[in-house]
Amino acid sequence: RGGITQYVDSVKGRFTISRDNAKNTVYLQM
């Protein structure tokens, strides 16, 4: 909820996870 992220090694540098707490929405930019 505070924005700390974790990725599997195979997607690091290519995928980005983000969230909008006000909208209860999570995104994955690939």
mmCIF file of all heavy atoms, coordinates in Angstrom:
data_MODEL
# 
_entry.id   MODEL 
# 
loop_
_atom_site.group_PDB 
_atom_site.id 
_atom_site.type_symbol 
_atom_site.label_atom_id 
_atom_site.label_alt_id 
_atom_site.label_comp_id 
_atom_site.label_asym_id 
_atom_site.label_entity_id 
_atom_site.label_seq_id 
_atom_site.pdbx_PDB_ins_code 
_atom_site.Cartn_x 
_atom_site.Cartn_y 
_atom_site.Cartn_z 
_atom_site.occupancy 
_atom_site.B_iso_or_equiv 
_atom_site.pdbx_formal_charge 
_atom_site.auth_seq_id 
_atom_site.auth_comp_id 
_atom_site.auth_asym_id 
_atom_site.auth_atom_id 
_atom_site.pdbx_PDB_model_num 
ATOM 1   N N   . ARG A 1 1  ? 0.839   -1.199  0.000   1.00 0.00 ? 1  ARG A N   1 
ATOM 2   C CA  . ARG A 1 1  ? 0.000   0.000   0.000   1.00 0.00 ? 1  ARG A CA  1 
ATOM 3   C C   . ARG A 1 1  ? 0.882   1.261   0.000   1.00 0.00 ? 1  ARG A C   1 
ATOM 4   O O   . ARG A 1 1  ? 0.488   2.298   -0.534  1.00 0.00 ? 1  ARG A O   1 
ATOM 5   C CB  . ARG A 1 1  ? -0.933  -0.022  1.213   1.00 0.00 ? 1  ARG A CB  1 
ATOM 6   C CG  . ARG A 1 1  ? -2.034  1.009   1.160   1.00 0.00 ? 1  ARG A CG  1 
ATOM 7   C CD  . ARG A 1 1  ? -3.106  0.765   2.203   1.00 0.00 ? 1  ARG A CD  1 
ATOM 8   N NE  . ARG A 1 1  ? -4.150  1.771   2.083   1.00 0.00 ? 1  ARG A NE  1 
ATOM 9   C CZ  . ARG A 1 1  ? -5.158  1.697   1.240   1.00 0.00 ? 1  ARG A CZ  1 
ATOM 10  N NH1 . ARG A 1 1  ? -5.290  0.649   0.461   1.00 0.00 ? 1  ARG A NH1 1 
ATOM 11  N NH2 . ARG A 1 1  ? -6.065  2.663   1.187   1.00 0.00 ? 1  ARG A NH2 1 
ATOM 12  N N   . GLY A 1 2  ? 2.064   1.132   0.583   1.00 0.00 ? 2  GLY A N   1 
ATOM 13  C CA  . GLY A 1 2  ? 2.985   2.263   0.637   1.00 0.00 ? 2  GLY A CA  1 
ATOM 14  C C   . GLY A 1 2  ? 3.856   2.406   -0.594  1.00 0.00 ? 2  GLY A C   1 
ATOM 15  O O   . GLY A 1 2  ? 4.664   3.342   -0.682  1.00 0.00 ? 2  GLY A O   1 
ATOM 16  N N   . GLY A 1 3  ? 3.734   1.466   -1.553  1.00 0.00 ? 3  GLY A N   1 
ATOM 17  C CA  . GLY A 1 3  ? 4.454   1.616   -2.812  1.00 0.00 ? 3  GLY A CA  1 
ATOM 18  C C   . GLY A 1 3  ? 5.746   0.829   -2.944  1.00 0.00 ? 3  GLY A C   1 
ATOM 19  O O   . GLY A 1 3  ? 6.481   0.992   -3.925  1.00 0.00 ? 3  GLY A O   1 
ATOM 20  N N   . ILE A 1 4  ? 6.026   -0.049  -2.000  1.00 0.00 ? 4  ILE A N   1 
ATOM 21  C CA  . ILE A 1 4  ? 7.225   -0.880  -2.116  1.00 0.00 ? 4  ILE A CA  1 
ATOM 22  C C   . ILE A 1 4  ? 6.941   -2.017  -3.089  1.00 0.00 ? 4  ILE A C   1 
ATOM 23  O O   . ILE A 1 4  ? 5.935   -2.712  -2.970  1.00 0.00 ? 4  ILE A O   1 
ATOM 24  C CB  . ILE A 1 4  ? 7.640   -1.436  -0.743  1.00 0.00 ? 4  ILE A CB  1 
ATOM 25  C CG1 . ILE A 1 4  ? 7.992   -0.275  0.192   1.00 0.00 ? 4  ILE A CG1 1 
ATOM 26  C CG2 . ILE A 1 4  ? 8.828   -2.390  -0.880  1.00 0.00 ? 4  ILE A CG2 1 
ATOM 27  C CD1 . ILE A 1 4  ? 8.232   -0.692  1.628   1.00 0.00 ? 4  ILE A CD1 1 
ATOM 28  N N   . THR A 1 5  ? 7.845   -2.201  -4.048  1.00 0.00 ? 5  THR A N   1 
ATOM 29  C CA  . THR A 1 5  ? 7.606   -3.164  -5.125  1.00 0.00 ? 5  THR A CA  1 
ATOM 30  C C   . THR A 1 5  ? 8.575   -4.342  -5.073  1.00 0.00 ? 5  THR A C   1 
ATOM 31  O O   . THR A 1 5  ? 9.675   -4.244  -4.510  1.00 0.00 ? 5  THR A O   1 
ATOM 32  C CB  . THR A 1 5  ? 7.725   -2.481  -6.494  1.00 0.00 ? 5  THR A CB  1 
ATOM 33  O OG1 . THR A 1 5  ? 9.041   -1.914  -6.625  1.00 0.00 ? 5  THR A OG1 1 
ATOM 34  C CG2 . THR A 1 5  ? 6.697   -1.382  -6.645  1.00 0.00 ? 5  THR A CG2 1 
ATOM 35  N N   . GLN A 1 6  ? 8.151   -5.419  -5.675  1.00 0.00 ? 6  GLN A N   1 
ATOM 36  C CA  . GLN A 1 6  ? 8.964   -6.627  -5.787  1.00 0.00 ? 6  GLN A CA  1 
ATOM 37  C C   . GLN A 1 6  ? 8.666   -7.256  -7.141  1.00 0.00 ? 6  GLN A C   1 
ATOM 38  O O   . GLN A 1 6  ? 7.506   -7.277  -7.570  1.00 0.00 ? 6  GLN A O   1 
ATOM 39  C CB  . GLN A 1 6  ? 8.604   -7.601  -4.659  1.00 0.00 ? 6  GLN A CB  1 
ATOM 40  C CG  . GLN A 1 6  ? 9.350   -8.920  -4.699  1.00 0.00 ? 6  GLN A CG  1 
ATOM 41  C CD  . GLN A 1 6  ? 8.866   -9.879  -3.623  1.00 0.00 ? 6  GLN A CD  1 
ATOM 42  O OE1 . GLN A 1 6  ? 7.980   -9.552  -2.841  1.00 0.00 ? 6  GLN A OE1 1 
ATOM 43  N NE2 . GLN A 1 6  ? 9.431   -11.065 -3.591  1.00 0.00 ? 6  GLN A NE2 1 
ATOM 44  N N   . TYR A 1 7  ? 9.714   -7.763  -7.808  1.00 0.00 ? 7  TYR A N   1 
ATOM 45  C CA  . TYR A 1 7  ? 9.536   -8.360  -9.137  1.00 0.00 ? 7  TYR A CA  1 
ATOM 46  C C   . TYR A 1 7  ? 10.248  -9.703  -9.215  1.00 0.00 ? 7  TYR A C   1 
ATOM 47  O O   . TYR A 1 7  ? 11.304  -9.898  -8.608  1.00 0.00 ? 7  TYR A O   1 
ATOM 48  C CB  . TYR A 1 7  ? 10.137  -7.450  -10.221 1.00 0.00 ? 7  TYR A CB  1 
ATOM 49  C CG  . TYR A 1 7  ? 9.492   -6.100  -10.351 1.00 0.00 ? 7  TYR A CG  1 
ATOM 50  C CD1 . TYR A 1 7  ? 9.972   -5.013  -9.626  1.00 0.00 ? 7  TYR A CD1 1 
ATOM 51  C CD2 . TYR A 1 7  ? 8.405   -5.900  -11.192 1.00 0.00 ? 7  TYR A CD2 1 
ATOM 52  C CE1 . TYR A 1 7  ? 9.386   -3.758  -9.741  1.00 0.00 ? 7  TYR A CE1 1 
ATOM 53  C CE2 . TYR A 1 7  ? 7.821   -4.652  -11.324 1.00 0.00 ? 7  TYR A CE2 1 
ATOM 54  C CZ  . TYR A 1 7  ? 8.313   -3.595  -10.593 1.00 0.00 ? 7  TYR A CZ  1 
ATOM 55  O OH  . TYR A 1 7  ? 7.727   -2.350  -10.715 1.00 0.00 ? 7  TYR A OH  1 
ATOM 56  N N   . VAL A 1 8  ? 9.712   -10.590 -10.023 1.00 0.00 ? 8  VAL A N   1 
ATOM 57  C CA  . VAL A 1 8  ? 10.444  -11.809 -10.356 1.00 0.00 ? 8  VAL A CA  1 
ATOM 58  C C   . VAL A 1 8  ? 11.590  -11.401 -11.287 1.00 0.00 ? 8  VAL A C   1 
ATOM 59  O O   . VAL A 1 8  ? 11.463  -10.441 -12.063 1.00 0.00 ? 8  VAL A O   1 
ATOM 60  C CB  . VAL A 1 8  ? 9.512   -12.844 -11.025 1.00 0.00 ? 8  VAL A CB  1 
ATOM 61  C CG1 . VAL A 1 8  ? 9.033   -12.378 -12.391 1.00 0.00 ? 8  VAL A CG1 1 
ATOM 62  C CG2 . VAL A 1 8  ? 10.188  -14.200 -11.120 1.00 0.00 ? 8  VAL A CG2 1 
ATOM 63  N N   . ASP A 1 9  ? 12.705  -12.099 -11.204 1.00 0.00 ? 9  ASP A N   1 
ATOM 64  C CA  . ASP A 1 9  ? 13.899  -11.693 -11.958 1.00 0.00 ? 9  ASP A CA  1 
ATOM 65  C C   . ASP A 1 9  ? 13.642  -11.586 -13.460 1.00 0.00 ? 9  ASP A C   1 
ATOM 66  O O   . ASP A 1 9  ? 14.191  -10.705 -14.133 1.00 0.00 ? 9  ASP A O   1 
ATOM 67  C CB  . ASP A 1 9  ? 15.038  -12.687 -11.709 1.00 0.00 ? 9  ASP A CB  1 
ATOM 68  C CG  . ASP A 1 9  ? 15.668  -12.522 -10.338 1.00 0.00 ? 9  ASP A CG  1 
ATOM 69  O OD1 . ASP A 1 9  ? 15.402  -11.488 -9.689  1.00 0.00 ? 9  ASP A OD1 1 
ATOM 70  O OD2 . ASP A 1 9  ? 16.416  -13.416 -9.921  1.00 0.00 ? 9  ASP A OD2 1 
ATOM 71  N N   . SER A 1 10 ? 12.812  -12.450 -13.991 1.00 0.00 ? 10 SER A N   1 
ATOM 72  C CA  . SER A 1 10 ? 12.620  -12.513 -15.440 1.00 0.00 ? 10 SER A CA  1 
ATOM 73  C C   . SER A 1 10 ? 11.929  -11.281 -16.027 1.00 0.00 ? 10 SER A C   1 
ATOM 74  O O   . SER A 1 10 ? 11.957  -11.076 -17.249 1.00 0.00 ? 10 SER A O   1 
ATOM 75  C CB  . SER A 1 10 ? 11.829  -13.767 -15.815 1.00 0.00 ? 10 SER A CB  1 
ATOM 76  O OG  . SER A 1 10 ? 10.563  -13.758 -15.191 1.00 0.00 ? 10 SER A OG  1 
ATOM 77  N N   . VAL A 1 11 ? 11.319  -10.443 -15.181 1.00 0.00 ? 11 VAL A N   1 
ATOM 78  C CA  . VAL A 1 11 ? 10.619  -9.257  -15.699 1.00 0.00 ? 11 VAL A CA  1 
ATOM 79  C C   . VAL A 1 11 ? 11.269  -7.950  -15.246 1.00 0.00 ? 11 VAL A C   1 
ATOM 80  O O   . VAL A 1 11 ? 10.829  -6.873  -15.675 1.00 0.00 ? 11 VAL A O   1 
ATOM 81  C CB  . VAL A 1 11 ? 9.125   -9.254  -15.323 1.00 0.00 ? 11 VAL A CB  1 
ATOM 82  C CG1 . VAL A 1 11 ? 8.469   -10.570 -15.715 1.00 0.00 ? 11 VAL A CG1 1 
ATOM 83  C CG2 . VAL A 1 11 ? 8.923   -8.970  -13.845 1.00 0.00 ? 11 VAL A CG2 1 
ATOM 84  N N   . LYS A 1 12 ? 12.279  -8.035  -14.416 1.00 0.00 ? 12 LYS A N   1 
ATOM 85  C CA  . LYS A 1 12 ? 12.933  -6.810  -13.929 1.00 0.00 ? 12 LYS A CA  1 
ATOM 86  C C   . LYS A 1 12 ? 13.479  -5.997  -15.107 1.00 0.00 ? 12 LYS A C   1 
ATOM 87  O O   . LYS A 1 12 ? 14.114  -6.520  -16.004 1.00 0.00 ? 12 LYS A O   1 
ATOM 88  C CB  . LYS A 1 12 ? 14.064  -7.166  -12.966 1.00 0.00 ? 12 LYS A CB  1 
ATOM 89  C CG  . LYS A 1 12 ? 13.591  -7.626  -11.607 1.00 0.00 ? 12 LYS A CG  1 
ATOM 90  C CD  . LYS A 1 12 ? 14.759  -7.963  -10.675 1.00 0.00 ? 12 LYS A CD  1 
ATOM 91  C CE  . LYS A 1 12 ? 14.263  -8.418  -9.321  1.00 0.00 ? 12 LYS A CE  1 
ATOM 92  N NZ  . LYS A 1 12 ? 15.378  -8.820  -8.434  1.00 0.00 ? 12 LYS A NZ  1 
ATOM 93  N N   . GLY A 1 13 ? 13.206  -4.700  -15.068 1.00 0.00 ? 13 GLY A N   1 
ATOM 94  C CA  . GLY A 1 13 ? 13.654  -3.812  -16.140 1.00 0.00 ? 13 GLY A CA  1 
ATOM 95  C C   . GLY A 1 13 ? 12.685  -3.733  -17.303 1.00 0.00 ? 13 GLY A C   1 
ATOM 96  O O   . GLY A 1 13 ? 12.838  -2.876  -18.182 1.00 0.00 ? 13 GLY A O   1 
ATOM 97  N N   . ARG A 1 14 ? 11.714  -4.613  -17.353 1.00 0.00 ? 14 ARG A N   1 
ATOM 98  C CA  . ARG A 1 14 ? 10.728  -4.608  -18.447 1.00 0.00 ? 14 ARG A CA  1 
ATOM 99  C C   . ARG A 1 14 ? 9.314   -4.282  -17.950 1.00 0.00 ? 14 ARG A C   1 
ATOM 100 O O   . ARG A 1 14 ? 8.547   -3.634  -18.657 1.00 0.00 ? 14 ARG A O   1 
ATOM 101 C CB  . ARG A 1 14 ? 10.713  -5.969  -19.151 1.00 0.00 ? 14 ARG A CB  1 
ATOM 102 C CG  . ARG A 1 14 ? 12.050  -6.379  -19.757 1.00 0.00 ? 14 ARG A CG  1 
ATOM 103 C CD  . ARG A 1 14 ? 11.908  -7.630  -20.612 1.00 0.00 ? 14 ARG A CD  1 
ATOM 104 N NE  . ARG A 1 14 ? 11.479  -8.797  -19.845 1.00 0.00 ? 14 ARG A NE  1 
ATOM 105 C CZ  . ARG A 1 14 ? 10.379  -9.500  -20.110 1.00 0.00 ? 14 ARG A CZ  1 
ATOM 106 N NH1 . ARG A 1 14 ? 9.597   -9.162  -21.124 1.00 0.00 ? 14 ARG A NH1 1 
ATOM 107 N NH2 . ARG A 1 14 ? 10.069  -10.563 -19.368 1.00 0.00 ? 14 ARG A NH2 1 
ATOM 108 N N   . PHE A 1 15 ? 8.957   -4.772  -16.773 1.00 0.00 ? 15 PHE A N   1 
ATOM 109 C CA  . PHE A 1 15 ? 7.613   -4.570  -16.226 1.00 0.00 ? 15 PHE A CA  1 
ATOM 110 C C   . PHE A 1 15 ? 7.676   -3.572  -15.069 1.00 0.00 ? 15 PHE A C   1 
ATOM 111 O O   . PHE A 1 15 ? 8.650   -3.531  -14.314 1.00 0.00 ? 15 PHE A O   1 
ATOM 112 C CB  . PHE A 1 15 ? 7.053   -5.878  -15.691 1.00 0.00 ? 15 PHE A CB  1 
ATOM 113 C CG  . PHE A 1 15 ? 6.722   -6.914  -16.738 1.00 0.00 ? 15 PHE A CG  1 
ATOM 114 C CD1 . PHE A 1 15 ? 7.100   -6.775  -18.052 1.00 0.00 ? 15 PHE A CD1 1 
ATOM 115 C CD2 . PHE A 1 15 ? 6.000   -8.053  -16.368 1.00 0.00 ? 15 PHE A CD2 1 
ATOM 116 C CE1 . PHE A 1 15 ? 6.793   -7.745  -19.004 1.00 0.00 ? 15 PHE A CE1 1 
ATOM 117 C CE2 . PHE A 1 15 ? 5.676   -9.024  -17.298 1.00 0.00 ? 15 PHE A CE2 1 
ATOM 118 C CZ  . PHE A 1 15 ? 6.083   -8.873  -18.621 1.00 0.00 ? 15 PHE A CZ  1 
ATOM 119 N N   . THR A 1 16 ? 6.610   -2.805  -14.942 1.00 0.00 ? 16 THR A N   1 
ATOM 120 C CA  . THR A 1 16 ? 6.486   -1.870  -13.824 1.00 0.00 ? 16 THR A CA  1 
ATOM 121 C C   . THR A 1 16 ? 5.103   -1.997  -13.209 1.00 0.00 ? 16 THR A C   1 
ATOM 122 O O   . THR A 1 16 ? 4.097   -1.865  -13.907 1.00 0.00 ? 16 THR A O   1 
ATOM 123 C CB  . THR A 1 16 ? 6.704   -0.425  -14.281 1.00 0.00 ? 16 THR A CB  1 
ATOM 124 O OG1 . THR A 1 16 ? 7.994   -0.301  -14.889 1.00 0.00 ? 16 THR A OG1 1 
ATOM 125 C CG2 . THR A 1 16 ? 6.618   0.531   -13.089 1.00 0.00 ? 16 THR A CG2 1 
ATOM 126 N N   . ILE A 1 17 ? 5.076   -2.246  -11.900 1.00 0.00 ? 17 ILE A N   1 
ATOM 127 C CA  . ILE A 1 17 ? 3.807   -2.315  -11.178 1.00 0.00 ? 17 ILE A CA  1 
ATOM 128 C C   . ILE A 1 17 ? 3.579   -0.992  -10.468 1.00 0.00 ? 17 ILE A C   1 
ATOM 129 O O   . ILE A 1 17 ? 4.525   -0.372  -9.960  1.00 0.00 ? 17 ILE A O   1 
ATOM 130 C CB  . ILE A 1 17 ? 3.789   -3.496  -10.182 1.00 0.00 ? 17 ILE A CB  1 
ATOM 131 C CG1 . ILE A 1 17 ? 2.387   -3.698  -9.609  1.00 0.00 ? 17 ILE A CG1 1 
ATOM 132 C CG2 . ILE A 1 17 ? 4.833   -3.320  -9.083  1.00 0.00 ? 17 ILE A CG2 1 
ATOM 133 C CD1 . ILE A 1 17 ? 2.232   -4.989  -8.798  1.00 0.00 ? 17 ILE A CD1 1 
ATOM 134 N N   . SER A 1 18 ? 2.323   -0.551  -10.451 1.00 0.00 ? 18 SER A N   1 
ATOM 135 C CA  . SER A 1 18 ? 1.966   0.685   -9.756  1.00 0.00 ? 18 SER A CA  1 
ATOM 136 C C   . SER A 1 18 ? 0.544   0.545   -9.245  1.00 0.00 ? 18 SER A C   1 
ATOM 137 O O   . SER A 1 18 ? -0.163  -0.394  -9.624  1.00 0.00 ? 18 SER A O   1 
ATOM 138 C CB  . SER A 1 18 ? 2.100   1.894   -10.686 1.00 0.00 ? 18 SER A CB  1 
ATOM 139 O OG  . SER A 1 18 ? 1.235   1.772   -11.795 1.00 0.00 ? 18 SER A OG  1 
ATOM 140 N N   . ARG A 1 19 ? 0.135   1.478   -8.389  1.00 0.00 ? 19 ARG A N   1 
ATOM 141 C CA  . ARG A 1 19 ? -1.232  1.408   -7.852  1.00 0.00 ? 19 ARG A CA  1 
ATOM 142 C C   . ARG A 1 19 ? -1.747  2.786   -7.563  1.00 0.00 ? 19 ARG A C   1 
ATOM 143 O O   . ARG A 1 19 ? -0.981  3.726   -7.314  1.00 0.00 ? 19 ARG A O   1 
ATOM 144 C CB  . ARG A 1 19 ? -1.296  0.515   -6.617  1.00 0.00 ? 19 ARG A CB  1 
ATOM 145 C CG  . ARG A 1 19 ? -0.569  1.054   -5.404  1.00 0.00 ? 19 ARG A CG  1 
ATOM 146 C CD  . ARG A 1 19 ? -0.538  0.010   -4.293  1.00 0.00 ? 19 ARG A CD  1 
ATOM 147 N NE  . ARG A 1 19 ? -1.838  -0.154  -3.643  1.00 0.00 ? 19 ARG A NE  1 
ATOM 148 C CZ  . ARG A 1 19 ? -2.123  -1.125  -2.772  1.00 0.00 ? 19 ARG A CZ  1 
ATOM 149 N NH1 . ARG A 1 19 ? -1.187  -2.022  -2.460  1.00 0.00 ? 19 ARG A NH1 1 
ATOM 150 N NH2 . ARG A 1 19 ? -3.315  -1.196  -2.212  1.00 0.00 ? 19 ARG A NH2 1 
ATOM 151 N N   . ASP A 1 20 ? -3.062  2.878   -7.557  1.00 0.00 ? 20 ASP A N   1 
ATOM 152 C CA  . ASP A 1 20 ? -3.779  4.093   -7.172  1.00 0.00 ? 20 ASP A CA  1 
ATOM 153 C C   . ASP A 1 20 ? -4.670  3.698   -6.008  1.00 0.00 ? 20 ASP A C   1 
ATOM 154 O O   . ASP A 1 20 ? -5.701  3.048   -6.200  1.00 0.00 ? 20 ASP A O   1 
ATOM 155 C CB  . ASP A 1 20 ? -4.591  4.617   -8.362  1.00 0.00 ? 20 ASP A CB  1 
ATOM 156 C CG  . ASP A 1 20 ? -5.295  5.922   -8.052  1.00 0.00 ? 20 ASP A CG  1 
ATOM 157 O OD1 . ASP A 1 20 ? -5.589  6.197   -6.878  1.00 0.00 ? 20 ASP A OD1 1 
ATOM 158 O OD2 . ASP A 1 20 ? -5.573  6.678   -8.997  1.00 0.00 ? 20 ASP A OD2 1 
ATOM 159 N N   . ASN A 1 21 ? -4.261  4.059   -4.792  1.00 0.00 ? 21 ASN A N   1 
ATOM 160 C CA  . ASN A 1 21 ? -5.011  3.634   -3.603  1.00 0.00 ? 21 ASN A CA  1 
ATOM 161 C C   . ASN A 1 21 ? -6.413  4.228   -3.568  1.00 0.00 ? 21 ASN A C   1 
ATOM 162 O O   . ASN A 1 21 ? -7.345  3.600   -3.077  1.00 0.00 ? 21 ASN A O   1 
ATOM 163 C CB  . ASN A 1 21 ? -4.242  4.005   -2.339  1.00 0.00 ? 21 ASN A CB  1 
ATOM 164 C CG  . ASN A 1 21 ? -3.000  3.162   -2.150  1.00 0.00 ? 21 ASN A CG  1 
ATOM 165 O OD1 . ASN A 1 21 ? -2.934  2.024   -2.610  1.00 0.00 ? 21 ASN A OD1 1 
ATOM 166 N ND2 . ASN A 1 21 ? -1.998  3.716   -1.481  1.00 0.00 ? 21 ASN A ND2 1 
ATOM 167 N N   . ALA A 1 22 ? -6.563  5.435   -4.079  1.00 0.00 ? 22 ALA A N   1 
ATOM 168 C CA  . ALA A 1 22 ? -7.880  6.071   -4.070  1.00 0.00 ? 22 ALA A CA  1 
ATOM 169 C C   . ALA A 1 22 ? -8.868  5.300   -4.945  1.00 0.00 ? 22 ALA A C   1 
ATOM 170 O O   . ALA A 1 22 ? -10.072 5.294   -4.673  1.00 0.00 ? 22 ALA A O   1 
ATOM 171 C CB  . ALA A 1 22 ? -7.762  7.506   -4.551  1.00 0.00 ? 22 ALA A CB  1 
ATOM 172 N N   . LYS A 1 23 ? -8.341  4.653   -5.979  1.00 0.00 ? 23 LYS A N   1 
ATOM 173 C CA  . LYS A 1 23 ? -9.200  3.895   -6.898  1.00 0.00 ? 23 LYS A CA  1 
ATOM 174 C C   . LYS A 1 23 ? -9.145  2.394   -6.639  1.00 0.00 ? 23 LYS A C   1 
ATOM 175 O O   . LYS A 1 23 ? -9.795  1.625   -7.350  1.00 0.00 ? 23 LYS A O   1 
ATOM 176 C CB  . LYS A 1 23 ? -8.776  4.164   -8.347  1.00 0.00 ? 23 LYS A CB  1 
ATOM 177 C CG  . LYS A 1 23 ? -8.970  5.597   -8.799  1.00 0.00 ? 23 LYS A CG  1 
ATOM 178 C CD  . LYS A 1 23 ? -8.552  5.772   -10.251 1.00 0.00 ? 23 LYS A CD  1 
ATOM 179 C CE  . LYS A 1 23 ? -8.760  7.200   -10.715 1.00 0.00 ? 23 LYS A CE  1 
ATOM 180 N NZ  . LYS A 1 23 ? -8.344  7.392   -12.131 1.00 0.00 ? 23 LYS A NZ  1 
ATOM 181 N N   . ASN A 1 24 ? -8.344  1.979   -5.642  1.00 0.00 ? 24 ASN A N   1 
ATOM 182 C CA  . ASN A 1 24 ? -8.179  0.543   -5.377  1.00 0.00 ? 24 ASN A CA  1 
ATOM 183 C C   . ASN A 1 24 ? -7.792  -0.209  -6.649  1.00 0.00 ? 24 ASN A C   1 
ATOM 184 O O   . ASN A 1 24 ? -8.303  -1.302  -6.927  1.00 0.00 ? 24 ASN A O   1 
ATOM 185 C CB  . ASN A 1 24 ? -9.463  -0.069  -4.799  1.00 0.00 ? 24 ASN A CB  1 
ATOM 186 C CG  . ASN A 1 24 ? -9.485  -0.035  -3.280  1.00 0.00 ? 24 ASN A CG  1 
ATOM 187 O OD1 . ASN A 1 24 ? -8.457  0.167   -2.624  1.00 0.00 ? 24 ASN A OD1 1 
ATOM 188 N ND2 . ASN A 1 24 ? -10.647 -0.222  -2.710  1.00 0.00 ? 24 ASN A ND2 1 
ATOM 189 N N   . THR A 1 25 ? -6.916  0.372   -7.400  1.00 0.00 ? 25 THR A N   1 
ATOM 190 C CA  . THR A 1 25 ? -6.536  -0.190  -8.691  1.00 0.00 ? 25 THR A CA  1 
ATOM 191 C C   . THR A 1 25 ? -5.028  -0.402  -8.762  1.00 0.00 ? 25 THR A C   1 
ATOM 192 O O   . THR A 1 25 ? -4.255  0.463   -8.324  1.00 0.00 ? 25 THR A O   1 
ATOM 193 C CB  . THR A 1 25 ? -6.986  0.726   -9.836  1.00 0.00 ? 25 THR A CB  1 
ATOM 194 O OG1 . THR A 1 25 ? -8.411  0.856   -9.800  1.00 0.00 ? 25 THR A OG1 1 
ATOM 195 C CG2 . THR A 1 25 ? -6.594  0.150   -11.196 1.00 0.00 ? 25 THR A CG2 1 
ATOM 196 N N   . VAL A 1 26 ? -4.636  -1.542  -9.303  1.00 0.00 ? 26 VAL A N   1 
ATOM 197 C CA  . VAL A 1 26 ? -3.230  -1.849  -9.515  1.00 0.00 ? 26 VAL A CA  1 
ATOM 198 C C   . VAL A 1 26 ? -3.003  -2.041  -11.016 1.00 0.00 ? 26 VAL A C   1 
ATOM 199 O O   . VAL A 1 26 ? -3.873  -2.547  -11.721 1.00 0.00 ? 26 VAL A O   1 
ATOM 200 C CB  . VAL A 1 26 ? -2.796  -3.093  -8.716  1.00 0.00 ? 26 VAL A CB  1 
ATOM 201 C CG1 . VAL A 1 26 ? -3.554  -4.335  -9.159  1.00 0.00 ? 26 VAL A CG1 1 
ATOM 202 C CG2 . VAL A 1 26 ? -1.292  -3.313  -8.800  1.00 0.00 ? 26 VAL A CG2 1 
ATOM 203 N N   . TYR A 1 27 ? -1.833  -1.594  -11.465 1.00 0.00 ? 27 TYR A N   1 
ATOM 204 C CA  . TYR A 1 27 ? -1.496  -1.647  -12.873 1.00 0.00 ? 27 TYR A CA  1 
ATOM 205 C C   . TYR A 1 27 ? -0.216  -2.452  -13.083 1.00 0.00 ? 27 TYR A C   1 
ATOM 206 O O   . TYR A 1 27 ? 0.625   -2.539  -12.197 1.00 0.00 ? 27 TYR A O   1 
ATOM 207 C CB  . TYR A 1 27 ? -1.272  -0.236  -13.424 1.00 0.00 ? 27 TYR A CB  1 
ATOM 208 C CG  . TYR A 1 27 ? -2.428  0.708   -13.174 1.00 0.00 ? 27 TYR A CG  1 
ATOM 209 C CD1 . TYR A 1 27 ? -2.415  1.559   -12.069 1.00 0.00 ? 27 TYR A CD1 1 
ATOM 210 C CD2 . TYR A 1 27 ? -3.523  0.758   -14.025 1.00 0.00 ? 27 TYR A CD2 1 
ATOM 211 C CE1 . TYR A 1 27 ? -3.467  2.431   -11.825 1.00 0.00 ? 27 TYR A CE1 1 
ATOM 212 C CE2 . TYR A 1 27 ? -4.579  1.632   -13.798 1.00 0.00 ? 27 TYR A CE2 1 
ATOM 213 C CZ  . TYR A 1 27 ? -4.544  2.457   -12.688 1.00 0.00 ? 27 TYR A CZ  1 
ATOM 214 O OH  . TYR A 1 27 ? -5.587  3.317   -12.445 1.00 0.00 ? 27 TYR A OH  1 
ATOM 215 N N   . LEU A 1 28 ? -0.086  -3.012  -14.285 1.00 0.00 ? 28 LEU A N   1 
ATOM 216 C CA  . LEU A 1 28 ? 1.166   -3.654  -14.664 1.00 0.00 ? 28 LEU A CA  1 
ATOM 217 C C   . LEU A 1 28 ? 1.505   -3.196  -16.073 1.00 0.00 ? 28 LEU A C   1 
ATOM 218 O O   . LEU A 1 28 ? 0.842   -3.596  -17.035 1.00 0.00 ? 28 LEU A O   1 
ATOM 219 C CB  . LEU A 1 28 ? 1.060   -5.172  -14.608 1.00 0.00 ? 28 LEU A CB  1 
ATOM 220 C CG  . LEU A 1 28 ? 2.371   -5.918  -14.852 1.00 0.00 ? 28 LEU A CG  1 
ATOM 221 C CD1 . LEU A 1 28 ? 3.349   -5.661  -13.684 1.00 0.00 ? 28 LEU A CD1 1 
ATOM 222 C CD2 . LEU A 1 28 ? 2.141   -7.421  -15.014 1.00 0.00 ? 28 LEU A CD2 1 
ATOM 223 N N   . GLN A 1 29 ? 2.506   -2.342  -16.176 1.00 0.00 ? 29 GLN A N   1 
ATOM 224 C CA  . GLN A 1 29 ? 2.995   -1.904  -17.479 1.00 0.00 ? 29 GLN A CA  1 
ATOM 225 C C   . GLN A 1 29 ? 4.039   -2.903  -17.945 1.00 0.00 ? 29 GLN A C   1 
ATOM 226 O O   . GLN A 1 29 ? 5.046   -3.109  -17.262 1.00 0.00 ? 29 GLN A O   1 
ATOM 227 C CB  . GLN A 1 29 ? 3.604   -0.504  -17.386 1.00 0.00 ? 29 GLN A CB  1 
ATOM 228 C CG  . GLN A 1 29 ? 4.198   0.000   -18.692 1.00 0.00 ? 29 GLN A CG  1 
ATOM 229 C CD  . GLN A 1 29 ? 3.150   0.238   -19.754 1.00 0.00 ? 29 GLN A CD  1 
ATOM 230 O OE1 . GLN A 1 29 ? 2.090   0.809   -19.471 1.00 0.00 ? 29 GLN A OE1 1 
ATOM 231 N NE2 . GLN A 1 29 ? 3.429   -0.186  -20.983 1.00 0.00 ? 29 GLN A NE2 1 
ATOM 232 N N   . MET A 1 30 ? 3.796   -3.513  -19.084 1.00 0.00 ? 30 MET A N   1 
ATOM 233 C CA  . MET A 1 30 ? 4.683   -4.550  -19.598 1.00 0.00 ? 30 MET A CA  1 
ATOM 234 C C   . MET A 1 30 ? 5.293   -4.077  -20.904 1.00 0.00 ? 30 MET A C   1 
ATOM 235 O O   . MET A 1 30 ? 4.576   -3.867  -21.886 1.00 0.00 ? 30 MET A O   1 
ATOM 236 C CB  . MET A 1 30 ? 3.909   -5.857  -19.803 1.00 0.00 ? 30 MET A CB  1 
ATOM 237 C CG  . MET A 1 30 ? 3.183   -6.337  -18.556 1.00 0.00 ? 30 MET A CG  1 
ATOM 238 S SD  . MET A 1 30 ? 2.387   -7.945  -18.787 1.00 0.00 ? 30 MET A SD  1 
ATOM 239 C CE  . MET A 1 30 ? 1.133   -7.504  -19.982 1.00 0.00 ? 30 MET A CE  1 
# 
